[in-house]
Amino acid sequence: MSRLIQHALLYCGVLHASVGCVKMHPTRSGFLSDYSGLRLVESRGRSFCRGDARLIRSLRPDTFADIDSFFVEPVEWLADDFGQPASSPANAEQVRRSLKAALVEELCDIRPVVDSVGPRTAIVRSSVTGVQEAKVLANVLTLVQCGPLFNGGAAVEIEIVDQDGTQLAAECVAVDGREWEVFGFFHRPRHAVRAVRRAAAYVAEDLESAK
């Protein structure tokens, strides 16, 4: 390995926490029925580069008083439209399926998740608006010198509406792959998959805190 490449890799190591990693940002894609009143909140959790960020609206404690169940619609894929696609249709489908499964898993602790819409069912709409996959080859090259640098992540938009279309809750969430999720640096969609699952958990936590 040439001296120039060695110096470059060492420089990457110094900038490990700022330059060489993905920083996902919350999106405003037009998918949500209403973006008014959303405020930026950054998590206190330590991510690979920075805290996860999300746009949320403060909820009233009685927001779901008249709701007895959730129906989770199929996840829409908008990442291609906004220039942050998955590397393959198979990887895109894996991320999409993971978000829906996570929403079902997280929300069922708040209200039952049903297979059909009843008279008091709220509808959960979601979209993946951005995906970054880990750069596996680059991470292999930097592994010995300074560790893997190029993580992945994802951005999603999620809203819950009643059957009249009134928005009850909404969030735009951006999540970066964590530095301790080591295998994600060497499997292209893994960080993105974990990111959408973490986004669903954020939504559930915010609903629980309002309740």
C-alpha atoms as a PDB file:
ATOM      1  CA  MET A   1       0.000   0.000   0.000  1.00  0.00           C
ATOM      2  CA  SER A   2       1.450   3.368  -0.993  1.00  0.00           C
ATOM      3  CA  ARG A   3       2.345   6.001   1.575  1.00  0.00           C
ATOM      4  CA  LEU A   4      -0.292   8.327   0.068  1.00  0.00           C
ATOM      5  CA  ILE A   5      -3.066   5.781   0.624  1.00  0.00           C
ATOM      6  CA  GLN A   6      -1.865   5.116   4.177  1.00  0.00           C
ATOM      7  CA  HIS A   7      -1.973   8.815   4.977  1.00  0.00           C
ATOM      8  CA  ALA A   8      -5.429   9.119   3.474  1.00  0.00           C
ATOM      9  CA  LEU A   9      -6.746   6.250   5.576  1.00  0.00           C
ATOM     10  CA  LEU A  10      -5.237   7.683   8.731  1.00  0.00           C
ATOM     11  CA  TYR A  11      -6.841  11.020   7.924  1.00  0.00           C
ATOM     12  CA  CYS A  12     -10.177   9.225   7.552  1.00  0.00           C
ATOM     13  CA  GLY A  13      -9.677   7.767  10.992  1.00  0.00           C
ATOM     14  CA  VAL A  14      -9.214  11.209  12.509  1.00  0.00           C
ATOM     15  CA  LEU A  15     -12.433  12.363  10.850  1.00  0.00           C
ATOM     16  CA  HIS A  16     -14.242   9.116  11.672  1.00  0.00           C
ATOM     17  CA  ALA A  17     -17.066  10.853  13.516  1.00  0.00           C
ATOM     18  CA  SER A  18     -17.839  13.555  10.979  1.00  0.00           C
ATOM     19  CA  VAL A  19     -16.810  13.119   7.343  1.00  0.00           C
ATOM     20  CA  GLY A  20     -16.799   9.429   6.558  1.00  0.00           C
ATOM     21  CA  CYS A  21     -20.289   8.509   7.686  1.00  0.00           C
ATOM     22  CA  VAL A  22     -23.865   8.806   6.566  1.00  0.00           C
ATOM     23  CA  LYS A  23     -25.983  11.537   8.097  1.00  0.00           C
ATOM     24  CA  MET A  24     -29.656  10.996   7.312  1.00  0.00           C
ATOM     25  CA  HIS A  25     -32.057  13.928   7.600  1.00  0.00           C
ATOM     26  CA  PRO A  26     -35.827  14.014   8.144  1.00  0.00           C
ATOM     27  CA  THR A  27     -37.681  14.550   4.883  1.00  0.00           C
ATOM     28  CA  ARG A  28     -40.760  16.494   3.818  1.00  0.00           C
ATOM     29  CA  SER A  29     -41.649  14.485   0.739  1.00  0.00           C
ATOM     30  CA  GLY A  30     -45.315  15.451   0.417  1.00  0.00           C
ATOM     31  CA  PHE A  31     -46.417  11.982   1.532  1.00  0.00           C
ATOM     32  CA  LEU A  32     -47.983  13.151   4.792  1.00  0.00           C
ATOM     33  CA  SER A  33     -51.380  14.805   4.654  1.00  0.00           C
ATOM     34  CA  ASP A  34     -50.185  17.648   6.901  1.00  0.00           C
ATOM     35  CA  TYR A  35     -46.723  18.902   7.885  1.00  0.00           C
ATOM     36  CA  SER A  36     -47.829  21.901   9.926  1.00  0.00           C
ATOM     37  CA  GLY A  37     -46.795  21.999  13.561  1.00  0.00           C
ATOM     38  CA  LEU A  38     -43.959  19.492  13.218  1.00  0.00           C
ATOM     39  CA  ARG A  39     -40.933  20.343  15.340  1.00  0.00           C
ATOM     40  CA  LEU A  40     -37.399  18.997  15.202  1.00  0.00           C
ATOM     41  CA  VAL A  41     -36.319  16.697  18.013  1.00  0.00           C
ATOM     42  CA  GLU A  42     -32.910  15.031  18.200  1.00  0.00           C
ATOM     43  CA  SER A  43     -32.500  11.875  20.238  1.00  0.00           C
ATOM     44  CA  ARG A  44     -30.066  11.771  23.103  1.00  0.00           C
ATOM     45  CA  GLY A  45     -28.933   8.300  22.072  1.00  0.00           C
ATOM     46  CA  ARG A  46     -25.402   8.017  20.706  1.00  0.00           C
ATOM     47  CA  SER A  47     -25.444   7.100  17.049  1.00  0.00           C
ATOM     48  CA  PHE A  48     -22.497   6.543  14.730  1.00  0.00           C
ATOM     49  CA  CYS A  49     -22.304  10.199  13.744  1.00  0.00           C
ATOM     50  CA  ARG A  50     -24.963  12.110  15.616  1.00  0.00           C
ATOM     51  CA  GLY A  51     -28.275  11.730  17.350  1.00  0.00           C
ATOM     52  CA  ASP A  52     -31.180  10.470  15.284  1.00  0.00           C
ATOM     53  CA  ALA A  53     -33.472  13.302  14.213  1.00  0.00           C
ATOM     54  CA  ARG A  54     -37.213  13.408  13.806  1.00  0.00           C
ATOM     55  CA  LEU A  55     -39.964  15.899  13.121  1.00  0.00           C
ATOM     56  CA  ILE A  56     -42.903  15.279  15.451  1.00  0.00           C
ATOM     57  CA  ARG A  57     -46.093  16.975  16.550  1.00  0.00           C
ATOM     58  CA  SER A  58     -46.953  17.096  20.239  1.00  0.00           C
ATOM     59  CA  LEU A  59     -49.994  14.928  20.930  1.00  0.00           C
ATOM     60  CA  ARG A  60     -52.908  15.511  23.257  1.00  0.00           C
ATOM     61  CA  PRO A  61     -53.365  12.814  25.933  1.00  0.00           C
ATOM     62  CA  ASP A  62     -56.817  12.008  24.487  1.00  0.00           C
ATOM     63  CA  THR A  63     -55.688  11.726  20.864  1.00  0.00           C
ATOM     64  CA  PHE A  64     -56.559   8.016  20.694  1.00  0.00           C
ATOM     65  CA  ALA A  65     -59.441   7.997  23.158  1.00  0.00           C
ATOM     66  CA  ASP A  66     -61.933   7.055  20.413  1.00  0.00           C
ATOM     67  CA  ILE A  67     -59.583   4.612  18.657  1.00  0.00           C
ATOM     68  CA  ASP A  68     -59.729   0.915  19.501  1.00  0.00           C
ATOM     69  CA  SER A  69     -57.357  -0.530  16.886  1.00  0.00           C
ATOM     70  CA  PHE A  70     -54.787   0.188  14.168  1.00  0.00           C
ATOM     71  CA  PHE A  71     -54.709  -0.943  10.558  1.00  0.00           C
ATOM     72  CA  VAL A  72     -51.219  -0.757   9.005  1.00  0.00           C
ATOM     73  CA  GLU A  73     -51.288  -0.069   5.283  1.00  0.00           C
ATOM     74  CA  PRO A  74     -48.568  -1.365   2.933  1.00  0.00           C
ATOM     75  CA  VAL A  75     -45.447   0.775   3.085  1.00  0.00           C
ATOM     76  CA  GLU A  76     -44.923   3.093   0.131  1.00  0.00           C
ATOM     77  CA  TRP A  77     -41.475   3.375  -1.442  1.00  0.00           C
ATOM     78  CA  LEU A  78     -40.462   6.947  -2.304  1.00  0.00           C
ATOM     79  CA  ALA A  79     -36.695   6.661  -1.850  1.00  0.00           C
ATOM     80  CA  ASP A  80     -36.044   6.406  -5.596  1.00  0.00           C
ATOM     81  CA  ASP A  81     -37.940   9.646  -6.236  1.00  0.00           C
ATOM     82  CA  PHE A  82     -35.715  11.551  -3.819  1.00  0.00           C
ATOM     83  CA  GLY A  83     -32.368  10.235  -4.972  1.00  0.00           C
ATOM     84  CA  GLN A  84     -31.674   7.819  -2.114  1.00  0.00           C
ATOM     85  CA  PRO A  85     -32.695   4.409  -3.490  1.00  0.00           C
ATOM     86  CA  ALA A  86     -31.699   0.931  -2.429  1.00  0.00           C
ATOM     87  CA  SER A  87     -29.099  -0.828  -4.543  1.00  0.00           C
ATOM     88  CA  SER A  88     -31.548  -3.507  -5.706  1.00  0.00           C
ATOM     89  CA  PRO A  89     -35.288  -4.264  -5.699  1.00  0.00           C
ATOM     90  CA  ALA A  90     -34.628  -7.116  -3.259  1.00  0.00           C
ATOM     91  CA  ASN A  91     -32.964  -4.789  -0.764  1.00  0.00           C
ATOM     92  CA  ALA A  92     -35.750  -2.237  -1.168  1.00  0.00           C
ATOM     93  CA  GLU A  93     -38.341  -4.906  -0.462  1.00  0.00           C
ATOM     94  CA  GLN A  94     -36.427  -6.041   2.625  1.00  0.00           C
ATOM     95  CA  VAL A  95     -36.451  -2.504   4.027  1.00  0.00           C
ATOM     96  CA  ARG A  96     -40.130  -2.031   3.169  1.00  0.00           C
ATOM     97  CA  ARG A  97     -41.171  -5.314   4.806  1.00  0.00           C
ATOM     98  CA  SER A  98     -39.092  -4.536   7.867  1.00  0.00           C
ATOM     99  CA  LEU A  99     -40.806  -1.203   8.421  1.00  0.00           C
ATOM    100  CA  LYS A 100     -44.287  -2.690   8.189  1.00  0.00           C
ATOM    101  CA  ALA A 101     -43.402  -5.606  10.479  1.00  0.00           C
ATOM    102  CA  ALA A 102     -41.887  -3.210  13.014  1.00  0.00           C
ATOM    103  CA  LEU A 103     -44.952  -0.947  12.985  1.00  0.00           C
ATOM    104  CA  VAL A 104     -47.210  -3.931  13.643  1.00  0.00           C
ATOM    105  CA  GLU A 105     -44.940  -5.171  16.420  1.00  0.00           C
ATOM    106  CA  GLU A 106     -44.546  -1.783  18.126  1.00  0.00           C
ATOM    107  CA  LEU A 107     -48.100  -0.482  17.824  1.00  0.00           C
ATOM    108  CA  CYS A 108     -49.833  -3.636  19.025  1.00  0.00           C
ATOM    109  CA  ASP A 109     -48.750  -2.745  22.564  1.00  0.00           C
ATOM    110  CA  ILE A 110     -50.806   0.464  22.311  1.00  0.00           C
ATOM    111  CA  ARG A 111     -53.889  -0.787  20.457  1.00  0.00           C
ATOM    112  CA  PRO A 112     -54.577  -4.096  18.699  1.00  0.00           C
ATOM    113  CA  VAL A 113     -53.396  -4.202  15.089  1.00  0.00           C
ATOM    114  CA  VAL A 114     -56.182  -5.584  12.888  1.00  0.00           C
ATOM    115  CA  ASP A 115     -56.392  -7.008   9.373  1.00  0.00           C
ATOM    116  CA  SER A 116     -59.445  -4.978   8.358  1.00  0.00           C
ATOM    117  CA  VAL A 117     -60.786  -1.535   9.187  1.00  0.00           C
ATOM    118  CA  GLY A 118     -63.523  -1.360  11.813  1.00  0.00           C
ATOM    119  CA  PRO A 119     -65.636   1.629  12.889  1.00  0.00           C
ATOM    120  CA  ARG A 120     -63.035   2.843  15.436  1.00  0.00           C
ATOM    121  CA  THR A 121     -59.873   1.796  13.617  1.00  0.00           C
ATOM    122  CA  ALA A 122     -57.107   4.316  12.893  1.00  0.00           C
ATOM    123  CA  ILE A 123     -55.094   3.872   9.706  1.00  0.00           C
ATOM    124  CA  VAL A 124     -51.279   3.862   9.803  1.00  0.00           C
ATOM    125  CA  ARG A 125     -49.656   5.202   6.626  1.00  0.00           C
ATOM    126  CA  SER A 126     -45.908   5.035   6.090  1.00  0.00           C
ATOM    127  CA  SER A 127     -43.279   5.583   3.436  1.00  0.00           C
ATOM    128  CA  VAL A 128     -39.546   5.051   3.059  1.00  0.00           C
ATOM    129  CA  THR A 129     -38.221   8.326   1.684  1.00  0.00           C
ATOM    130  CA  GLY A 130     -34.482   7.669   1.753  1.00  0.00           C
ATOM    131  CA  VAL A 131     -32.032   4.791   2.086  1.00  0.00           C
ATOM    132  CA  GLN A 132     -28.276   4.742   2.357  1.00  0.00           C
ATOM    133  CA  GLU A 133     -26.515   1.392   2.302  1.00  0.00           C
ATOM    134  CA  ALA A 134     -23.148   0.643   3.852  1.00  0.00           C
ATOM    135  CA  LYS A 135     -20.206   0.839   1.460  1.00  0.00           C
ATOM    136  CA  VAL A 136     -18.900  -2.680   2.015  1.00  0.00           C
ATOM    137  CA  LEU A 137     -15.781  -2.550  -0.181  1.00  0.00           C
ATOM    138  CA  ALA A 138     -14.677   0.790   1.276  1.00  0.00           C
ATOM    139  CA  ASN A 139     -15.203  -0.549   4.793  1.00  0.00           C
ATOM    140  CA  VAL A 140     -13.073  -3.596   4.027  1.00  0.00           C
ATOM    141  CA  LEU A 141     -10.286  -1.310   2.777  1.00  0.00           C
ATOM    142  CA  THR A 142     -10.390   0.932   5.860  1.00  0.00           C
ATOM    143  CA  LEU A 143     -10.904  -1.886   8.381  1.00  0.00           C
ATOM    144  CA  VAL A 144      -7.265  -2.490   9.259  1.00  0.00           C
ATOM    145  CA  GLN A 145      -6.158   1.136   9.327  1.00  0.00           C
ATOM    146  CA  CYS A 146      -8.990   2.899  11.135  1.00  0.00           C
ATOM    147  CA  GLY A 147     -12.037   0.649  11.246  1.00  0.00           C
ATOM    148  CA  PRO A 148     -15.107   0.712   8.984  1.00  0.00           C
ATOM    149  CA  LEU A 149     -16.263   4.238   8.214  1.00  0.00           C
ATOM    150  CA  PHE A 150     -19.200   4.114   5.855  1.00  0.00           C
ATOM    151  CA  ASN A 151     -22.432   3.191   7.601  1.00  0.00           C
ATOM    152  CA  GLY A 152     -25.996   3.128   6.298  1.00  0.00           C
ATOM    153  CA  GLY A 153     -29.307   4.586   7.415  1.00  0.00           C
ATOM    154  CA  ALA A 154     -32.841   5.406   6.373  1.00  0.00           C
ATOM    155  CA  ALA A 155     -35.493   8.122   6.451  1.00  0.00           C
ATOM    156  CA  VAL A 156     -39.209   7.427   6.816  1.00  0.00           C
ATOM    157  CA  GLU A 157     -42.451   9.353   7.137  1.00  0.00           C
ATOM    158  CA  ILE A 158     -45.310   7.925   9.188  1.00  0.00           C
ATOM    159  CA  GLU A 159     -48.761   9.222  10.014  1.00  0.00           C
ATOM    160  CA  ILE A 160     -51.862   7.903  11.724  1.00  0.00           C
ATOM    161  CA  VAL A 161     -55.222   9.125  10.413  1.00  0.00           C
ATOM    162  CA  ASP A 162     -58.838   8.451  11.303  1.00  0.00           C
ATOM    163  CA  GLN A 163     -61.316   7.235   8.728  1.00  0.00           C
ATOM    164  CA  ASP A 164     -62.232  10.801   7.777  1.00  0.00           C
ATOM    165  CA  GLY A 165     -58.603  11.404   6.902  1.00  0.00           C
ATOM    166  CA  THR A 166     -57.909  13.625   9.901  1.00  0.00           C
ATOM    167  CA  GLN A 167     -54.291  13.332  10.938  1.00  0.00           C
ATOM    168  CA  LEU A 168     -53.949  12.121  14.534  1.00  0.00           C
ATOM    169  CA  ALA A 169     -50.154  11.772  14.666  1.00  0.00           C
ATOM    170  CA  ALA A 170     -47.238  12.289  12.297  1.00  0.00           C
ATOM    171  CA  GLU A 171     -43.474  11.890  12.319  1.00  0.00           C
ATOM    172  CA  CYS A 172     -40.613  12.217   9.857  1.00  0.00           C
ATOM    173  CA  VAL A 173     -37.721  10.143  11.207  1.00  0.00           C
ATOM    174  CA  ALA A 174     -34.089   9.855  10.121  1.00  0.00           C
ATOM    175  CA  VAL A 175     -31.882   7.164  11.654  1.00  0.00           C
ATOM    176  CA  ASP A 176     -28.177   6.460  11.131  1.00  0.00           C
ATOM    177  CA  GLY A 177     -26.442   3.098  11.567  1.00  0.00           C
ATOM    178  CA  ARG A 178     -24.673   2.723  14.906  1.00  0.00           C
ATOM    179  CA  GLU A 179     -20.938   2.193  15.204  1.00  0.00           C
ATOM    180  CA  TRP A 180     -21.494  -0.869  17.406  1.00  0.00           C
ATOM    181  CA  GLU A 181     -23.670  -2.517  14.745  1.00  0.00           C
ATOM    182  CA  VAL A 182     -20.482  -3.874  13.231  1.00  0.00           C
ATOM    183  CA  PHE A 183     -21.986  -6.428  10.859  1.00  0.00           C
ATOM    184  CA  GLY A 184     -24.033  -3.669   9.258  1.00  0.00           C
ATOM    185  CA  PHE A 185     -20.867  -2.179   7.781  1.00  0.00           C
ATOM    186  CA  PHE A 186     -20.333  -5.360   5.776  1.00  0.00           C
ATOM    187  CA  HIS A 187     -23.922  -6.117   4.711  1.00  0.00           C
ATOM    188  CA  ARG A 188     -25.324  -3.406   2.478  1.00  0.00           C
ATOM    189  CA  PRO A 189     -28.964  -3.081   3.668  1.00  0.00           C
ATOM    190  CA  ARG A 190     -28.532  -4.102   7.310  1.00  0.00           C
ATOM    191  CA  HIS A 191     -28.169  -0.605   8.775  1.00  0.00           C
ATOM    192  CA  ALA A 192     -31.140   0.617   6.734  1.00  0.00           C
ATOM    193  CA  VAL A 193     -33.275  -2.283   7.949  1.00  0.00           C
ATOM    194  CA  ARG A 194     -32.376  -1.564  11.550  1.00  0.00           C
ATOM    195  CA  ALA A 195     -32.986   2.131  10.960  1.00  0.00           C
ATOM    196  CA  VAL A 196     -36.597   1.664   9.881  1.00  0.00           C
ATOM    197  CA  ARG A 197     -37.233  -0.660  12.809  1.00  0.00           C
ATOM    198  CA  ARG A 198     -35.832   1.969  15.162  1.00  0.00           C
ATOM    199  CA  ALA A 199     -38.035   4.603  13.511  1.00  0.00           C
ATOM    200  CA  ALA A 200     -41.135   2.513  14.245  1.00  0.00           C
ATOM    201  CA  ALA A 201     -40.011   2.207  17.863  1.00  0.00           C
ATOM    202  CA  TYR A 202     -39.666   6.001  18.103  1.00  0.00           C
ATOM    203  CA  VAL A 203     -43.234   6.449  16.896  1.00  0.00           C
ATOM    204  CA  ALA A 204     -44.561   3.956  19.439  1.00  0.00           C
ATOM    205  CA  GLU A 205     -42.575   5.585  22.256  1.00  0.00           C
ATOM    206  CA  ASP A 206     -43.957   9.014  21.373  1.00  0.00           C
ATOM    207  CA  LEU A 207     -47.518   7.677  21.302  1.00  0.00           C
ATOM    208  CA  GLU A 208     -46.994   6.008  24.669  1.00  0.00           C
ATOM    209  CA  SER A 209     -45.568   9.173  26.204  1.00  0.00           C
ATOM    210  CA  ALA A 210     -48.586  11.143  25.047  1.00  0.00           C
ATOM    211  CA  LYS A 211     -50.911   8.539  26.527  1.00  0.00           C
END
